């Protein structure tokens, strides 16, 4: 994911996620989903 910081420099952040599926009958169904945003990283010297 990306965006702009308060000083105008681009920001990037990472996500870590987990999906849990269970087979119910003849199909797979998502039964749980979780995500965590990891710390922001400011990209120095980049211009957009």
N, C-alpha and C. Protein backbone atom coordinates (compact mmCIF):
# COMPACT_ATOMS: atom_id res chain seq x y z
N UNK A 1 0.86 -1.16 0.00
CA UNK A 1 0.00 0.00 0.00
C UNK A 1 0.91 1.23 0.00
N UNK A 2 0.40 2.32 -0.54
CA UNK A 2 1.21 3.52 -0.62
C UNK A 2 0.35 4.77 -0.44
N UNK A 3 1.00 5.87 -0.10
CA UNK A 3 0.32 7.14 0.09
C UNK A 3 1.37 8.23 0.25
N UNK A 4 0.97 9.39 0.75
CA UNK A 4 1.91 10.49 0.97
C UNK A 4 1.98 10.83 2.45
N UNK A 5 3.18 11.11 2.93
CA UNK A 5 3.38 11.50 4.32
C UNK A 5 3.09 12.96 4.53
N UNK A 6 3.17 13.41 5.77
CA UNK A 6 2.87 14.80 6.11
C UNK A 6 3.85 15.77 5.48
N UNK A 7 5.07 15.32 5.20
CA UNK A 7 6.07 16.20 4.58
C UNK A 7 6.10 16.06 3.05
N UNK A 8 5.17 15.35 2.48
CA UNK A 8 5.08 15.19 1.03
C UNK A 8 5.83 14.01 0.46
N UNK A 9 6.70 13.36 1.26
CA UNK A 9 7.40 12.18 0.78
C UNK A 9 6.45 10.99 0.70
N UNK A 10 6.66 10.13 -0.29
CA UNK A 10 5.80 8.94 -0.39
C UNK A 10 5.98 8.04 0.83
N UNK A 11 4.91 7.41 1.24
CA UNK A 11 4.93 6.42 2.32
C UNK A 11 4.54 5.07 1.74
N UNK A 12 5.06 4.03 2.33
CA UNK A 12 4.66 2.68 1.95
C UNK A 12 4.47 1.89 3.24
N UNK A 13 3.53 0.99 3.23
CA UNK A 13 3.39 0.09 4.36
C UNK A 13 3.06 -1.29 3.87
N UNK A 14 3.35 -2.24 4.72
CA UNK A 14 3.13 -3.64 4.38
C UNK A 14 2.01 -4.20 5.23
N UNK A 15 1.35 -5.19 4.68
CA UNK A 15 0.30 -5.90 5.40
C UNK A 15 0.69 -7.37 5.50
N UNK A 16 0.38 -7.95 6.61
CA UNK A 16 0.52 -9.40 6.77
C UNK A 16 -0.89 -9.93 6.99
N UNK A 17 -1.26 -10.97 6.26
CA UNK A 17 -2.62 -11.45 6.39
C UNK A 17 -2.67 -12.98 6.40
N UNK A 18 -3.75 -13.49 6.95
CA UNK A 18 -4.00 -14.92 7.02
C UNK A 18 -5.45 -15.18 6.63
N UNK A 19 -5.65 -16.15 5.77
CA UNK A 19 -6.99 -16.63 5.41
C UNK A 19 -7.11 -18.06 5.90
N UNK A 20 -8.26 -18.42 6.43
CA UNK A 20 -8.51 -19.79 6.87
C UNK A 20 -9.73 -20.31 6.11
N UNK A 21 -9.54 -21.45 5.46
CA UNK A 21 -10.61 -22.08 4.69
C UNK A 21 -10.95 -23.43 5.30
N UNK A 22 -12.21 -23.82 5.18
CA UNK A 22 -12.67 -25.14 5.62
C UNK A 22 -13.46 -25.75 4.48
N UNK A 23 -13.26 -27.04 4.25
CA UNK A 23 -14.03 -27.73 3.22
C UNK A 23 -15.35 -28.17 3.83
N UNK A 24 -16.43 -27.66 3.28
CA UNK A 24 -17.78 -27.97 3.76
C UNK A 24 -18.53 -28.61 2.62
N UNK A 25 -18.78 -29.90 2.76
CA UNK A 25 -19.41 -30.63 1.67
C UNK A 25 -18.43 -30.73 0.51
N UNK A 26 -18.85 -30.25 -0.65
CA UNK A 26 -18.00 -30.34 -1.85
C UNK A 26 -17.34 -29.01 -2.20
N UNK A 27 -17.34 -28.03 -1.27
CA UNK A 27 -16.75 -26.74 -1.60
C UNK A 27 -15.92 -26.20 -0.43
N UNK A 28 -15.01 -25.30 -0.76
CA UNK A 28 -14.19 -24.63 0.24
C UNK A 28 -14.85 -23.31 0.60
N UNK A 29 -14.86 -23.00 1.89
CA UNK A 29 -15.45 -21.75 2.36
C UNK A 29 -14.46 -21.04 3.28
N UNK A 30 -14.31 -19.71 3.07
CA UNK A 30 -13.47 -18.94 3.97
C UNK A 30 -14.20 -18.80 5.30
N UNK A 31 -13.53 -19.18 6.38
CA UNK A 31 -14.17 -19.12 7.70
C UNK A 31 -13.53 -18.07 8.61
N UNK A 32 -12.35 -17.57 8.24
CA UNK A 32 -11.71 -16.52 9.04
C UNK A 32 -10.72 -15.77 8.17
N UNK A 33 -10.56 -14.47 8.49
CA UNK A 33 -9.61 -13.63 7.78
C UNK A 33 -9.09 -12.61 8.78
N UNK A 34 -7.77 -12.37 8.76
CA UNK A 34 -7.17 -11.42 9.69
C UNK A 34 -6.03 -10.73 8.97
N UNK A 35 -5.87 -9.42 9.22
CA UNK A 35 -4.72 -8.71 8.66
C UNK A 35 -4.13 -7.79 9.72
N UNK A 36 -2.84 -7.53 9.58
CA UNK A 36 -2.12 -6.65 10.48
C UNK A 36 -1.28 -5.71 9.64
N UNK A 37 -1.40 -4.41 9.92
CA UNK A 37 -0.58 -3.42 9.22
C UNK A 37 0.76 -3.35 9.93
N UNK A 38 1.84 -3.54 9.18
CA UNK A 38 3.19 -3.46 9.72
C UNK A 38 3.63 -1.99 9.74
N UNK A 39 4.69 -1.64 10.44
CA UNK A 39 5.10 -0.24 10.58
C UNK A 39 5.31 0.46 9.24
N UNK A 40 5.05 1.78 9.23
CA UNK A 40 5.25 2.59 8.03
C UNK A 40 6.72 2.71 7.71
N UNK A 41 7.01 2.83 6.41
CA UNK A 41 8.36 3.06 5.93
C UNK A 41 8.31 4.30 5.06
N UNK A 42 9.08 5.32 5.40
CA UNK A 42 9.12 6.52 4.57
C UNK A 42 10.22 6.37 3.55
N UNK A 43 9.88 6.57 2.27
CA UNK A 43 10.83 6.43 1.18
C UNK A 43 11.53 7.76 0.94
N UNK A 44 12.78 7.89 1.33
CA UNK A 44 13.54 9.15 1.22
C UNK A 44 14.00 9.38 -0.22
N UNK A 45 13.96 10.64 -0.63
CA UNK A 45 14.52 11.01 -1.91
C UNK A 45 13.66 10.65 -3.11
N UNK A 46 12.48 10.12 -2.92
CA UNK A 46 11.60 9.78 -4.04
C UNK A 46 10.75 10.99 -4.38
N UNK A 47 10.51 11.19 -5.65
CA UNK A 47 9.61 12.26 -6.05
C UNK A 47 8.55 11.70 -6.96
N UNK A 48 7.31 12.16 -6.76
CA UNK A 48 6.20 11.69 -7.58
C UNK A 48 5.44 12.87 -8.12
